[in-house]
Amino acid sequence: MKTMKSDVINIVYLSNLYGNLLTDNQKNMLSLFYDADCSLGEIAEQYGISRQAVRDSIVKAESALRAAEEKLGFLKKMQQISNIAKGCKDGLTDGSTLVKEALDAIIEITEV
């Protein structure tokens, strides 16, 4: 069920941004699955439910996160801001240390 690495990273970012929109069980199961690298069986045993129920909960949570991003677009905006800041920083001369430091801070905050 785990997908390509970029998809996994994307779900982790989306969970950090929109995780409060999920139920506590969905948040916990996503965290166990992605952050703690637990298997569906391990999570099912912990919750006393079937592996299929765990899978359904994770899929539903992932869908909710993607839907929130589609509507709100915070992750996309953060990526755009980060890219703009990197482009600005690369175009600066050596005498612009304060601006470079400010752009470094923006890049660090928005790095995805």
PDB file of N, CA and C in Angstrom:
ATOM      1  N   MET A   1       0.815  -1.195   0.000  1.00  0.00           N
ATOM      2  CA  MET A   1       0.000   0.000   0.000  1.00  0.00           C
ATOM      3  C   MET A   1       0.860   1.260   0.000  1.00  0.00           C
ATOM      4  N   LYS A   2       2.051   1.194   0.580  1.00  0.00           N
ATOM      5  CA  LYS A   2       2.918   2.365   0.570  1.00  0.00           C
ATOM      6  C   LYS A   2       3.317   2.656  -0.868  1.00  0.00           C
ATOM      7  N   THR A   3       3.277   3.921  -1.223  1.00  0.00           N
ATOM      8  CA  THR A   3       3.499   4.324  -2.597  1.00  0.00           C
ATOM      9  C   THR A   3       4.920   4.824  -2.777  1.00  0.00           C
ATOM     10  N   MET A   4       5.167   5.441  -3.904  1.00  0.00           N
ATOM     11  CA  MET A   4       6.492   5.976  -4.195  1.00  0.00           C
ATOM     12  C   MET A   4       6.922   6.941  -3.099  1.00  0.00           C
ATOM     13  N   LYS A   5       8.239   7.112  -2.969  1.00  0.00           N
ATOM     14  CA  LYS A   5       8.794   7.948  -1.901  1.00  0.00           C
ATOM     15  C   LYS A   5       8.234   9.363  -1.931  1.00  0.00           C
ATOM     16  N   SER A   6       8.101   9.970  -3.108  1.00  0.00           N
ATOM     17  CA  SER A   6       7.589  11.343  -3.173  1.00  0.00           C
ATOM     18  C   SER A   6       6.136  11.413  -2.711  1.00  0.00           C
ATOM     19  N   ASP A   7       5.348  10.372  -2.988  1.00  0.00           N
ATOM     20  CA  ASP A   7       3.967  10.340  -2.512  1.00  0.00           C
ATOM     21  C   ASP A   7       3.910  10.235  -0.991  1.00  0.00           C
ATOM     22  N   VAL A   8       4.805   9.451  -0.430  1.00  0.00           N
ATOM     23  CA  VAL A   8       4.866   9.299   1.026  1.00  0.00           C
ATOM     24  C   VAL A   8       5.240  10.637   1.664  1.00  0.00           C
ATOM     25  N   ILE A   9       6.250  11.293   1.118  1.00  0.00           N
ATOM     26  CA  ILE A   9       6.673  12.592   1.637  1.00  0.00           C
ATOM     27  C   ILE A   9       5.534  13.592   1.522  1.00  0.00           C
ATOM     28  N   ASN A  10       4.829  13.560   0.402  1.00  0.00           N
ATOM     29  CA  ASN A  10       3.711  14.468   0.193  1.00  0.00           C
ATOM     30  C   ASN A  10       2.620  14.246   1.246  1.00  0.00           C
ATOM     31  N   ILE A  11       2.298  13.004   1.549  1.00  0.00           N
ATOM     32  CA  ILE A  11       1.284  12.710   2.566  1.00  0.00           C
ATOM     33  C   ILE A  11       1.738  13.207   3.934  1.00  0.00           C
ATOM     34  N   VAL A  12       3.005  13.048   4.242  1.00  0.00           N
ATOM     35  CA  VAL A  12       3.525  13.528   5.530  1.00  0.00           C
ATOM     36  C   VAL A  12       3.384  15.050   5.615  1.00  0.00           C
ATOM     37  N   TYR A  13       3.753  15.755   4.546  1.00  0.00           N
ATOM     38  CA  TYR A  13       3.584  17.215   4.534  1.00  0.00           C
ATOM     39  C   TYR A  13       2.117  17.598   4.677  1.00  0.00           C
ATOM     40  N   LEU A  14       1.254  16.928   3.922  1.00  0.00           N
ATOM     41  CA  LEU A  14      -0.180  17.235   3.987  1.00  0.00           C
ATOM     42  C   LEU A  14      -0.728  16.957   5.382  1.00  0.00           C
ATOM     43  N   SER A  15      -0.253  15.897   5.999  1.00  0.00           N
ATOM     44  CA  SER A  15      -0.692  15.568   7.355  1.00  0.00           C
ATOM     45  C   SER A  15      -0.269  16.657   8.345  1.00  0.00           C
ATOM     46  N   ASN A  16       0.935  17.186   8.159  1.00  0.00           N
ATOM     47  CA  ASN A  16       1.391  18.277   9.031  1.00  0.00           C
ATOM     48  C   ASN A  16       0.543  19.524   8.833  1.00  0.00           C
ATOM     49  N   LEU A  17       0.145  19.793   7.602  1.00  0.00           N
ATOM     50  CA  LEU A  17      -0.654  20.991   7.316  1.00  0.00           C
ATOM     51  C   LEU A  17      -2.117  20.832   7.716  1.00  0.00           C
ATOM     52  N   TYR A  18      -2.707  19.704   7.361  1.00  0.00           N
ATOM     53  CA  TYR A  18      -4.154  19.533   7.479  1.00  0.00           C
ATOM     54  C   TYR A  18      -4.568  18.425   8.444  1.00  0.00           C
ATOM     55  N   GLY A  19      -3.636  17.896   9.209  1.00  0.00           N
ATOM     56  CA  GLY A  19      -3.922  16.761  10.084  1.00  0.00           C
ATOM     57  C   GLY A  19      -5.051  16.998  11.073  1.00  0.00           C
ATOM     58  N   ASN A  20      -5.250  18.243  11.472  1.00  0.00           N
ATOM     59  CA  ASN A  20      -6.318  18.532  12.432  1.00  0.00           C
ATOM     60  C   ASN A  20      -7.710  18.362  11.838  1.00  0.00           C
ATOM     61  N   LEU A  21      -7.791  18.200  10.528  1.00  0.00           N
ATOM     62  CA  LEU A  21      -9.082  17.944   9.894  1.00  0.00           C
ATOM     63  C   LEU A  21      -9.479  16.471   9.994  1.00  0.00           C
ATOM     64  N   LEU A  22      -8.543  15.628  10.386  1.00  0.00           N
ATOM     65  CA  LEU A  22      -8.791  14.192  10.495  1.00  0.00           C
ATOM     66  C   LEU A  22      -9.270  13.827  11.898  1.00  0.00           C
ATOM     67  N   THR A  23      -9.865  12.645  12.000  1.00  0.00           N
ATOM     68  CA  THR A  23     -10.213  12.136  13.327  1.00  0.00           C
ATOM     69  C   THR A  23      -8.924  11.748  14.051  1.00  0.00           C
ATOM     70  N   ASP A  24      -9.002  11.617  15.355  1.00  0.00           N
ATOM     71  CA  ASP A  24      -7.825  11.212  16.130  1.00  0.00           C
ATOM     72  C   ASP A  24      -7.311   9.851  15.671  1.00  0.00           C
ATOM     73  N   ASN A  25      -8.225   8.911  15.417  1.00  0.00           N
ATOM     74  CA  ASN A  25      -7.805   7.585  14.951  1.00  0.00           C
ATOM     75  C   ASN A  25      -7.103   7.670  13.599  1.00  0.00           C
ATOM     76  N   GLN A  26      -7.637   8.471  12.678  1.00  0.00           N
ATOM     77  CA  GLN A  26      -7.001   8.618  11.372  1.00  0.00           C
ATOM     78  C   GLN A  26      -5.600   9.206  11.511  1.00  0.00           C
ATOM     79  N   LYS A  27      -5.477  10.259  12.342  1.00  0.00           N
ATOM     80  CA  LYS A  27      -4.158  10.872  12.557  1.00  0.00           C
ATOM     81  C   LYS A  27      -3.179   9.851  13.141  1.00  0.00           C
ATOM     82  N   ASN A  28      -3.630   9.121  14.141  1.00  0.00           N
ATOM     83  CA  ASN A  28      -2.754   8.150  14.797  1.00  0.00           C
ATOM     84  C   ASN A  28      -2.350   7.022  13.852  1.00  0.00           C
ATOM     85  N   MET A  29      -3.301   6.522  13.079  1.00  0.00           N
ATOM     86  CA  MET A  29      -2.983   5.447  12.141  1.00  0.00           C
ATOM     87  C   MET A  29      -2.033   5.921  11.042  1.00  0.00           C
ATOM     88  N   LEU A  30      -2.257   7.126  10.532  1.00  0.00           N
ATOM     89  CA  LEU A  30      -1.335   7.686   9.535  1.00  0.00           C
ATOM     90  C   LEU A  30       0.067   7.820  10.115  1.00  0.00           C
ATOM     91  N   SER A  31       0.142   8.313  11.340  1.00  0.00           N
ATOM     92  CA  SER A  31       1.434   8.483  11.988  1.00  0.00           C
ATOM     93  C   SER A  31       2.135   7.139  12.179  1.00  0.00           C
ATOM     94  N   LEU A  32       1.396   6.151  12.631  1.00  0.00           N
ATOM     95  CA  LEU A  32       1.991   4.824  12.810  1.00  0.00           C
ATOM     96  C   LEU A  32       2.454   4.247  11.476  1.00  0.00           C
ATOM     97  N   PHE A  33       1.647   4.432  10.448  1.00  0.00           N
ATOM     98  CA  PHE A  33       1.953   3.860   9.141  1.00  0.00           C
ATOM     99  C   PHE A  33       3.126   4.569   8.473  1.00  0.00           C
ATOM    100  N   TYR A  34       3.115   5.894   8.459  1.00  0.00           N
ATOM    101  CA  TYR A  34       4.138   6.640   7.743  1.00  0.00           C
ATOM    102  C   TYR A  34       5.338   7.026   8.601  1.00  0.00           C
ATOM    103  N   ASP A  35       5.093   7.495   9.810  1.00  0.00           N
ATOM    104  CA  ASP A  35       6.196   7.963  10.649  1.00  0.00           C
ATOM    105  C   ASP A  35       6.910   6.808  11.358  1.00  0.00           C
ATOM    106  N   ALA A  36       6.130   5.881  11.913  1.00  0.00           N
ATOM    107  CA  ALA A  36       6.718   4.776  12.665  1.00  0.00           C
ATOM    108  C   ALA A  36       6.961   3.543  11.802  1.00  0.00           C
ATOM    109  N   ASP A  37       6.521   3.584  10.541  1.00  0.00           N
ATOM    110  CA  ASP A  37       6.706   2.494   9.575  1.00  0.00           C
ATOM    111  C   ASP A  37       6.117   1.165  10.066  1.00  0.00           C
ATOM    112  N   CYS A  38       4.975   1.255  10.735  1.00  0.00           N
ATOM    113  CA  CYS A  38       4.275   0.052  11.188  1.00  0.00           C
ATOM    114  C   CYS A  38       3.498  -0.561  10.018  1.00  0.00           C
ATOM    115  N   SER A  39       3.347  -1.851  10.053  1.00  0.00           N
ATOM    116  CA  SER A  39       2.566  -2.539   9.025  1.00  0.00           C
ATOM    117  C   SER A  39       1.080  -2.416   9.349  1.00  0.00           C
ATOM    118  N   LEU A  40       0.256  -2.730   8.362  1.00  0.00           N
ATOM    119  CA  LEU A  40      -1.191  -2.725   8.594  1.00  0.00           C
ATOM    120  C   LEU A  40      -1.556  -3.703   9.698  1.00  0.00           C
ATOM    121  N   GLY A  41      -0.897  -4.855   9.709  1.00  0.00           N
ATOM    122  CA  GLY A  41      -1.156  -5.863  10.738  1.00  0.00           C
ATOM    123  C   GLY A  41      -0.816  -5.379  12.136  1.00  0.00           C
ATOM    124  N   GLU A  42       0.304  -4.682  12.260  1.00  0.00           N
ATOM    125  CA  GLU A  42       0.713  -4.161  13.563  1.00  0.00           C
ATOM    126  C   GLU A  42      -0.281  -3.113  14.073  1.00  0.00           C
ATOM    127  N   ILE A  43      -0.730  -2.261  13.163  1.00  0.00           N
ATOM    128  CA  ILE A  43      -1.701  -1.228  13.551  1.00  0.00           C
ATOM    129  C   ILE A  43      -3.035  -1.876  13.904  1.00  0.00           C
ATOM    130  N   ALA A  44      -3.447  -2.857  13.109  1.00  0.00           N
ATOM    131  CA  ALA A  44      -4.707  -3.557  13.362  1.00  0.00           C
ATOM    132  C   ALA A  44      -4.695  -4.228  14.727  1.00  0.00           C
ATOM    133  N   GLU A  45      -3.582  -4.842  15.066  1.00  0.00           N
ATOM    134  CA  GLU A  45      -3.455  -5.500  16.370  1.00  0.00           C
ATOM    135  C   GLU A  45      -3.569  -4.483  17.504  1.00  0.00           C
ATOM    136  N   GLN A  46      -2.947  -3.332  17.322  1.00  0.00           N
ATOM    137  CA  GLN A  46      -2.972  -2.289  18.356  1.00  0.00           C
ATOM    138  C   GLN A  46      -4.387  -1.760  18.565  1.00  0.00           C
ATOM    139  N   TYR A  47      -5.167  -1.639  17.488  1.00  0.00           N
ATOM    140  CA  TYR A  47      -6.522  -1.097  17.580  1.00  0.00           C
ATOM    141  C   TYR A  47      -7.595  -2.169  17.751  1.00  0.00           C
ATOM    142  N   GLY A  48      -7.212  -3.420  17.623  1.00  0.00           N
ATOM    143  CA  GLY A  48      -8.182  -4.501  17.753  1.00  0.00           C
ATOM    144  C   GLY A  48      -9.183  -4.554  16.607  1.00  0.00           C
ATOM    145  N   ILE A  49      -8.714  -4.208  15.396  1.00  0.00           N
ATOM    146  CA  ILE A  49      -9.560  -4.218  14.202  1.00  0.00           C
ATOM    147  C   ILE A  49      -8.839  -4.980  13.098  1.00  0.00           C
ATOM    148  N   SER A  50      -9.513  -5.161  11.981  1.00  0.00           N
ATOM    149  CA  SER A  50      -8.905  -5.898  10.868  1.00  0.00           C
ATOM    150  C   SER A  50      -7.908  -5.021  10.105  1.00  0.00           C
ATOM    151  N   ARG A  51      -7.024  -5.689   9.365  1.00  0.00           N
ATOM    152  CA  ARG A  51      -6.085  -4.950   8.516  1.00  0.00           C
ATOM    153  C   ARG A  51      -6.836  -4.155   7.462  1.00  0.00           C
ATOM    154  N   GLN A  52      -7.925  -4.719   6.964  1.00  0.00           N
ATOM    155  CA  GLN A  52      -8.731  -4.017   5.959  1.00  0.00           C
ATOM    156  C   GLN A  52      -9.323  -2.732   6.535  1.00  0.00           C
ATOM    157  N   ALA A  53      -9.756  -2.771   7.778  1.00  0.00           N
ATOM    158  CA  ALA A  53     -10.303  -1.564   8.416  1.00  0.00           C
ATOM    159  C   ALA A  53      -9.220  -0.502   8.563  1.00  0.00           C
ATOM    160  N   VAL A  54      -8.002  -0.925   8.899  1.00  0.00           N
ATOM    161  CA  VAL A  54      -6.890   0.018   8.999  1.00  0.00           C
ATOM    162  C   VAL A  54      -6.607   0.623   7.633  1.00  0.00           C
ATOM    163  N   ARG A  55      -6.542  -0.226   6.618  1.00  0.00           N
ATOM    164  CA  ARG A  55      -6.283   0.253   5.257  1.00  0.00           C
ATOM    165  C   ARG A  55      -7.349   1.248   4.820  1.00  0.00           C
ATOM    166  N   ASP A  56      -8.608   0.921   5.078  1.00  0.00           N
ATOM    167  CA  ASP A  56      -9.711   1.817   4.708  1.00  0.00           C
ATOM    168  C   ASP A  56      -9.577   3.173   5.406  1.00  0.00           C
ATOM    169  N   SER A  57      -9.202   3.155   6.667  1.00  0.00           N
ATOM    170  CA  SER A  57      -9.044   4.388   7.430  1.00  0.00           C
ATOM    171  C   SER A  57      -7.895   5.232   6.868  1.00  0.00           C
ATOM    172  N   ILE A  58      -6.801   4.589   6.533  1.00  0.00           N
ATOM    173  CA  ILE A  58      -5.645   5.307   5.978  1.00  0.00           C
ATOM    174  C   ILE A  58      -5.980   5.892   4.610  1.00  0.00           C
ATOM    175  N   VAL A  59      -6.634   5.113   3.766  1.00  0.00           N
ATOM    176  CA  VAL A  59      -7.017   5.592   2.434  1.00  0.00           C
ATOM    177  C   VAL A  59      -7.983   6.772   2.551  1.00  0.00           C
ATOM    178  N   LYS A  60      -8.932   6.670   3.461  1.00  0.00           N
ATOM    179  CA  LYS A  60      -9.892   7.758   3.668  1.00  0.00           C
ATOM    180  C   LYS A  60      -9.180   9.013   4.173  1.00  0.00           C
ATOM    181  N   ALA A  61      -8.235   8.849   5.076  1.00  0.00           N
ATOM    182  CA  ALA A  61      -7.476   9.983   5.603  1.00  0.00           C
ATOM    183  C   ALA A  61      -6.637  10.634   4.504  1.00  0.00           C
ATOM    184  N   GLU A  62      -5.975   9.815   3.693  1.00  0.00           N
ATOM    185  CA  GLU A  62      -5.173  10.344   2.587  1.00  0.00           C
ATOM    186  C   GLU A  62      -6.053  11.132   1.615  1.00  0.00           C
ATOM    187  N   SER A  63      -7.223  10.618   1.332  1.00  0.00           N
ATOM    188  CA  SER A  63      -8.157  11.307   0.432  1.00  0.00           C
ATOM    189  C   SER A  63      -8.590  12.648   1.011  1.00  0.00           C
ATOM    190  N   ALA A  64      -8.846  12.674   2.317  1.00  0.00           N
ATOM    191  CA  ALA A  64      -9.254  13.921   2.969  1.00  0.00           C
ATOM    192  C   ALA A  64      -8.129  14.953   2.922  1.00  0.00           C
ATOM    193  N   LEU A  65      -6.891  14.499   3.120  1.00  0.00           N
ATOM    194  CA  LEU A  65      -5.753  15.411   3.065  1.00  0.00           C
ATOM    195  C   LEU A  65      -5.565  15.984   1.663  1.00  0.00           C
ATOM    196  N   ARG A  66      -5.674  15.115   0.668  1.00  0.00           N
ATOM    197  CA  ARG A  66      -5.535  15.567  -0.729  1.00  0.00           C
ATOM    198  C   ARG A  66      -6.661  16.533  -1.106  1.00  0.00           C
ATOM    199  N   ALA A  67      -7.860  16.260  -0.635  1.00  0.00           N
ATOM    200  CA  ALA A  67      -8.997  17.145  -0.928  1.00  0.00           C
ATOM    201  C   ALA A  67      -8.786  18.515  -0.280  1.00  0.00           C
ATOM    202  N   ALA A  68      -8.263  18.536   0.937  1.00  0.00           N
ATOM    203  CA  ALA A  68      -7.997  19.809   1.610  1.00  0.00           C
ATOM    204  C   ALA A  68      -6.942  20.600   0.842  1.00  0.00           C
ATOM    205  N   GLU A  69      -5.910  19.932   0.390  1.00  0.00           N
ATOM    206  CA  GLU A  69      -4.866  20.616  -0.386  1.00  0.00           C
ATOM    207  C   GLU A  69      -5.422  21.127  -1.716  1.00  0.00           C
ATOM    208  N   GLU A  70      -6.274  20.333  -2.332  1.00  0.00           N
ATOM    209  CA  GLU A  70      -6.874  20.757  -3.602  1.00  0.00           C
ATOM    210  C   GLU A  70      -7.699  22.029  -3.421  1.00  0.00           C
ATOM    211  N   LYS A  71      -8.412  22.119  -2.305  1.00  0.00           N
ATOM    212  CA  LYS A  71      -9.251  23.293  -2.047  1.00  0.00           C
ATOM    213  C   LYS A  71      -8.443  24.486  -1.554  1.00  0.00           C
ATOM    214  N   LEU A  72      -7.477  24.249  -0.660  1.00  0.00           N
ATOM    215  CA  LEU A  72      -6.768  25.342  -0.006  1.00  0.00           C
ATOM    216  C   LEU A  72      -5.405  25.657  -0.638  1.00  0.00           C
ATOM    217  N   GLY A  73      -4.696  24.645  -1.083  1.00  0.00           N
ATOM    218  CA  GLY A  73      -3.437  24.834  -1.798  1.00  0.00           C
ATOM    219  C   GLY A  73      -2.269  25.363  -0.984  1.00  0.00           C
ATOM    220  N   PHE A  74      -2.264  25.148   0.336  1.00  0.00           N
ATOM    221  CA  PHE A  74      -1.181  25.671   1.170  1.00  0.00           C
ATOM    222  C   PHE A  74       0.178  25.063   0.817  1.00  0.00           C
ATOM    223  N   LEU A  75       0.231  23.768   0.577  1.00  0.00           N
ATOM    224  CA  LEU A  75       1.502  23.119   0.253  1.00  0.00           C
ATOM    225  C   LEU A  75       2.047  23.662  -1.068  1.00  0.00           C
ATOM    226  N   LYS A  76       1.187  23.796  -2.041  1.00  0.00           N
ATOM    227  CA  LYS A  76       1.609  24.333  -3.339  1.00  0.00           C
ATOM    228  C   LYS A  76       2.136  25.758  -3.182  1.00  0.00           C
ATOM    229  N   LYS A  77       1.464  26.568  -2.377  1.00  0.00           N
ATOM    230  CA  LYS A  77       1.894  27.949  -2.152  1.00  0.00           C
ATOM    231  C   LYS A  77       3.236  27.988  -1.429  1.00  0.00           C
ATOM    232  N   MET A  78       3.433  27.111  -0.451  1.00  0.00           N
ATOM    233  CA  MET A  78       4.709  27.060   0.258  1.00  0.00           C
ATOM    234  C   MET A  78       5.840  26.687  -0.694  1.00  0.00           C
ATOM    235  N   GLN A  79       5.578  25.742  -1.591  1.00  0.00           N
ATOM    236  CA  GLN A  79       6.595  25.347  -2.562  1.00  0.00           C
ATOM    237  C   GLN A  79       6.927  26.508  -3.501  1.00  0.00           C
ATOM    238  N   GLN A  80       5.916  27.252  -3.913  1.00  0.00           N
ATOM    239  CA  GLN A  80       6.142  28.398  -4.791  1.00  0.00           C
ATOM    240  C   GLN A  80       6.952  29.487  -4.080  1.00  0.00           C
ATOM    241  N   ILE A  81       6.609  29.793  -2.841  1.00  0.00           N
ATOM    242  CA  ILE A  81       7.343  30.804  -2.072  1.00  0.00           C
ATOM    243  C   ILE A  81       8.800  30.383  -1.905  1.00  0.00           C
ATOM    244  N   SER A  82       9.019  29.127  -1.587  1.00  0.00           N
ATOM    245  CA  SER A  82      10.373  28.616  -1.413  1.00  0.00           C
ATOM    246  C   SER A  82      11.169  28.746  -2.703  1.00  0.00           C
ATOM    247  N   ASN A  83      10.565  28.399  -3.817  1.00  0.00           N
ATOM    248  CA  ASN A  83      11.254  28.490  -5.111  1.00  0.00           C
ATOM    249  C   ASN A  83      11.582  29.941  -5.471  1.00  0.00           C
ATOM    250  N   ILE A  84      10.665  30.848  -5.203  1.00  0.00           N
ATOM    251  CA  ILE A  84      10.910  32.274  -5.474  1.00  0.00           C
ATOM    252  C   ILE A  84      12.058  32.786  -4.608  1.00  0.00           C
ATOM    253  N   ALA A  85      12.039  32.426  -3.316  1.00  0.00           N
ATOM    254  CA  ALA A  85      13.101  32.861  -2.405  1.00  0.00           C
ATOM    255  C   ALA A  85      14.453  32.313  -2.850  1.00  0.00           C
ATOM    256  N   LYS A  86      14.499  31.058  -3.279  1.00  0.00           N
ATOM    257  CA  LYS A  86      15.759  30.475  -3.765  1.00  0.00           C
ATOM    258  C   LYS A  86      16.246  31.223  -4.999  1.00  0.00           C
ATOM    259  N   GLY A  87      15.331  31.544  -5.913  1.00  0.00           N
ATOM    260  CA  GLY A  87      15.703  32.284  -7.116  1.00  0.00           C
ATOM    261  C   GLY A  87      16.226  33.668  -6.784  1.00  0.00           C
ATOM    262  N   CYS A  88      15.590  34.351  -5.844  1.00  0.00           N
ATOM    263  CA  CYS A  88      16.048  35.682  -5.424  1.00  0.00           C
ATOM    264  C   CYS A  88      17.427  35.594  -4.791  1.00  0.00           C
ATOM    265  N   LYS A  89      17.620  34.623  -3.940  1.00  0.00           N
ATOM    266  CA  LYS A  89      18.898  34.471  -3.242  1.00  0.00           C
ATOM    267  C   LYS A  89      20.018  34.214  -4.234  1.00  0.00           C
ATOM    268  N   ASP A  90      19.764  33.370  -5.210  1.00  0.00           N
ATOM    269  CA  ASP A  90      20.782  33.041  -6.201  1.00  0.00           C
ATOM    270  C   ASP A  90      21.175  34.258  -7.037  1.00  0.00           C
ATOM    271  N   GLY A  91      20.248  35.212  -7.197  1.00  0.00           N
ATOM    272  CA  GLY A  91      20.518  36.391  -8.008  1.00  0.00           C
ATOM    273  C   GLY A  91      21.158  37.544  -7.262  1.00  0.00           C
ATOM    274  N   LEU A  92      21.354  37.415  -5.965  1.00  0.00           N
ATOM    275  CA  LEU A  92      21.910  38.511  -5.171  1.00  0.00           C
ATOM    276  C   LEU A  92      23.430  38.550  -5.248  1.00  0.00           C
ATOM    277  N   THR A  93      23.969  39.746  -5.055  1.00  0.00           N
ATOM    278  CA  THR A  93      25.420  39.900  -4.980  1.00  0.00           C
ATOM    279  C   THR A  93      25.882  39.645  -3.558  1.00  0.00           C
ATOM    280  N   ASP A  94      27.173  39.564  -3.360  1.00  0.00           N
ATOM    281  CA  ASP A  94      27.741  39.262  -2.037  1.00  0.00           C
ATOM    282  C   ASP A  94      27.452  40.338  -0.999  1.00  0.00           C
ATOM    283  N   GLY A  95      27.210  41.585  -1.404  1.00  0.00           N
ATOM    284  CA  GLY A  95      26.994  42.671  -0.474  1.00  0.00           C
ATOM    285  C   GLY A  95      25.617  42.701   0.158  1.00  0.00           C
ATOM    286  N   SER A  96      24.772  41.765  -0.154  1.00  0.00           N
ATOM    287  CA  SER A  96      23.385  41.771   0.328  1.00  0.00           C
ATOM    288  C   SER A  96      23.175  40.735   1.424  1.00  0.00           C
ATOM    289  N   THR A  97      23.994  40.738   2.446  1.00  0.00           N
ATOM    290  CA  THR A  97      23.938  39.676   3.456  1.00  0.00           C
ATOM    291  C   THR A  97      22.631  39.672   4.245  1.00  0.00           C
ATOM    292  N   LEU A  98      22.090  40.843   4.568  1.00  0.00           N
ATOM    293  CA  LEU A  98      20.828  40.873   5.323  1.00  0.00           C
ATOM    294  C   LEU A  98      19.687  40.280   4.508  1.00  0.00           C
ATOM    295  N   VAL A  99      19.659  40.611   3.247  1.00  0.00           N
ATOM    296  CA  VAL A  99      18.613  40.064   2.374  1.00  0.00           C
ATOM    297  C   VAL A  99      18.799  38.564   2.226  1.00  0.00           C
ATOM    298  N   LYS A 100      20.040  38.120   2.060  1.00  0.00           N
ATOM    299  CA  LYS A 100      20.309  36.685   1.948  1.00  0.00           C
ATOM    300  C   LYS A 100      19.873  35.946   3.214  1.00  0.00           C
ATOM    301  N   GLU A 101      20.149  36.544   4.375  1.00  0.00           N
ATOM    302  CA  GLU A 101      19.738  35.917   5.633  1.00  0.00           C
ATOM    303  C   GLU A 101      18.224  35.832   5.725  1.00  0.00           C
ATOM    304  N   ALA A 102      17.538  36.872   5.275  1.00  0.00           N
ATOM    305  CA  ALA A 102      16.072  36.850   5.285  1.00  0.00           C
ATOM    306  C   ALA A 102      15.546  35.777   4.342  1.00  0.00           C
ATOM    307  N   LEU A 103      16.145  35.692   3.168  1.00  0.00           N
ATOM    308  CA  LEU A 103      15.715  34.661   2.212  1.00  0.00           C
ATOM    309  C   LEU A 103      16.037  33.267   2.734  1.00  0.00           C
ATOM    310  N   ASP A 104      17.169  33.093   3.395  1.00  0.00           N
ATOM    311  CA  ASP A 104      17.496  31.805   4.011  1.00  0.00           C
ATOM    312  C   ASP A 104      16.426  31.407   5.022  1.00  0.00           C
ATOM    313  N   ALA A 105      15.962  32.375   5.807  1.00  0.00           N
ATOM    314  CA  ALA A 105      14.913  32.097   6.795  1.00  0.00           C
ATOM    315  C   ALA A 105      13.624  31.677   6.103  1.00  0.00           C
ATOM    316  N   ILE A 106      13.258  32.377   5.029  1.00  0.00           N
ATOM    317  CA  ILE A 106      12.048  32.005   4.280  1.00  0.00           C
ATOM    318  C   ILE A 106      12.192  30.611   3.701  1.00  0.00           C
ATOM    319  N   ILE A 107      13.347  30.335   3.118  1.00  0.00           N
ATOM    320  CA  ILE A 107      13.581  29.015   2.515  1.00  0.00           C
ATOM    321  C   ILE A 107      13.482  27.933   3.576  1.00  0.00           C
ATOM    322  N   GLU A 108      14.085  28.166   4.741  1.00  0.00           N
ATOM    323  CA  GLU A 108      14.052  27.165   5.815  1.00  0.00           C
ATOM    324  C   GLU A 108      12.618  26.897   6.279  1.00  0.00           C
ATOM    325  N   ILE A 109      11.839  27.944   6.427  1.00  0.00           N
ATOM    326  CA  ILE A 109      10.466  27.789   6.900  1.00  0.00           C
ATOM    327  C   ILE A 109       9.588  27.075   5.889  1.00  0.00           C
ATOM    328  N   THR A 110       9.813  27.358   4.611  1.00  0.00           N
ATOM    329  CA  THR A 110       8.915  26.828   3.582  1.00  0.00           C
ATOM    330  C   THR A 110       9.484  25.624   2.840  1.00  0.00           C
ATOM    331  N   GLU A 111      10.647  25.155   3.221  1.00  0.00           N
ATOM    332  CA  GLU A 111      11.292  24.031   2.528  1.00  0.00           C
ATOM    333  C   GLU A 111      10.403  22.796   2.541  1.00  0.00           C
ATOM    334  N   VAL A 112      10.095  22.300   1.355  1.00  0.00           N
ATOM    335  CA  VAL A 112       9.313  21.067   1.220  1.00  0.00           C
ATOM    336  C   VAL A 112       9.908  20.180   0.171  1.00  0.00           C
TER     337      VAL A 112
END
